[in-house]
Protein backbone atom coordinates (compact mmCIF):
# COMPACT_ATOMS: atom_id res chain seq x y z
CA MET A 1 61.05 -24.79 17.22
CA ASN A 2 59.28 -23.52 14.18
CA VAL A 3 57.39 -20.29 14.82
CA SER A 4 54.94 -19.25 12.15
CA ASN A 5 54.70 -15.54 11.54
CA GLN A 6 51.49 -15.56 9.51
CA SER A 7 48.75 -13.20 10.50
CA GLN A 8 45.30 -14.70 10.57
CA ARG A 9 42.87 -13.30 8.05
CA GLY A 10 39.16 -13.02 8.64
CA PHE A 11 36.52 -10.93 10.34
CA THR A 12 36.07 -10.64 14.06
CA LEU A 13 32.74 -11.30 15.72
CA ILE A 14 32.32 -7.58 16.46
CA GLU A 15 32.80 -6.66 12.80
CA ILE A 16 30.23 -9.21 11.69
CA LEU A 17 27.74 -8.02 14.33
CA ILE A 18 28.18 -4.40 13.24
CA VAL A 19 27.46 -5.34 9.62
CA VAL A 20 24.37 -7.34 10.66
CA VAL A 21 23.07 -4.39 12.71
CA ILE A 22 23.61 -1.97 9.81
CA LEU A 23 21.81 -4.32 7.41
CA GLY A 24 18.94 -4.64 9.88
CA ILE A 25 18.59 -0.88 10.13
CA LEU A 26 18.61 -0.50 6.35
CA ALA A 27 16.02 -3.27 5.96
CA GLY A 28 13.79 -1.55 8.52
CA ILE A 29 13.98 1.71 6.60
CA VAL A 30 13.12 0.01 3.30
CA VAL A 31 10.13 -1.84 4.80
CA GLY A 32 8.88 1.38 6.39
CA GLN A 33 9.08 3.23 3.08
CA PHE A 34 7.27 0.38 1.31
CA GLN A 35 4.41 0.46 3.82
CA THR A 36 4.10 4.24 3.51
CA THR A 37 4.01 4.01 -0.29
CA THR A 38 1.39 1.26 -0.18
CA ALA A 39 -0.84 3.25 2.16
CA SER A 40 -0.48 6.34 -0.03
CA SER A 41 -1.39 4.45 -3.20
CA ASN A 42 -4.41 2.87 -1.48
CA ALA A 43 -5.61 6.32 -0.42
CA SER A 44 -5.21 7.64 -3.97
CA ALA A 45 -7.14 4.68 -5.40
CA ALA A 46 -9.94 5.20 -2.89
CA LYS A 47 -10.17 8.92 -3.71
CA SER A 48 -10.33 8.17 -7.41
CA SER A 49 -13.06 5.57 -6.92
CA LEU A 50 -15.09 7.95 -4.78
CA LYS A 51 -14.82 10.67 -7.44
CA VAL A 52 -16.35 8.29 -9.98
CA VAL A 53 -19.17 7.37 -7.60
CA ARG A 54 -19.79 11.04 -6.79
CA SER A 55 -20.05 11.96 -10.48
CA GLN A 56 -22.44 9.07 -11.14
CA ILE A 57 -24.59 10.13 -8.19
CA GLU A 58 -24.82 13.63 -9.69
CA LEU A 59 -25.84 12.23 -13.09
CA TYR A 60 -28.47 10.02 -11.47
CA ARG A 61 -29.74 12.91 -9.33
CA TYR A 62 -30.40 15.10 -12.39
CA SER A 63 -32.50 12.38 -14.02
CA HIS A 64 -34.18 10.49 -11.17
CA GLY A 65 -33.59 12.30 -7.88
CA THR A 66 -31.35 11.23 -5.03
CA PRO A 67 -30.33 7.55 -5.14
CA THR A 68 -31.09 5.54 -2.01
CA SER A 69 -27.95 3.39 -2.26
CA VAL A 70 -25.01 2.57 -4.50
CA ASP A 71 -26.90 -0.54 -5.67
CA VAL A 72 -29.42 1.75 -7.40
CA LEU A 73 -26.59 3.14 -9.51
CA VAL A 74 -25.42 -0.37 -10.42
CA ASN A 75 -28.94 -1.58 -11.30
CA ASN A 76 -29.62 1.56 -13.36
CA GLY A 77 -26.40 1.10 -15.37
CA ASN A 78 -24.57 4.16 -14.05
CA LEU A 79 -21.90 1.93 -12.48
CA ALA A 80 -20.65 -1.36 -13.94
CA SER A 81 -20.34 -2.96 -10.50
CA THR A 82 -20.48 -2.06 -6.83
CA PRO A 83 -17.32 -0.07 -6.09
CA VAL A 84 -14.85 -1.70 -3.71
CA SER A 85 -12.15 0.01 -1.65
CA PRO A 86 -8.49 -1.01 -2.05
CA GLU A 87 -8.86 -2.97 1.21
CA GLY A 88 -11.74 -4.97 -0.31
CA PHE A 89 -14.68 -3.29 1.45
CA GLN A 90 -17.78 -2.18 -0.46
CA TYR A 91 -18.76 1.46 -0.34
CA VAL A 92 -22.16 2.00 1.24
């Protein structure tokens, strides 16, 4: 009888499952950080846009009085176009 004394090489199912779980946890962390960064950048863009609108309202107010809407600023030439939020909504 010929008995082979080779040890089998490879990964066990448990080892593979542990690696998959670790990769899943790391992927979840990365996606969470990406969503947080995106929300933060959208908030910064919205604040910046509102600062521009606020300054144009002040300029218009000194010359013509209080504007009735943002469209007045666009039609008067104070703003190039109606400002839009990062989510795509127009400011009222």
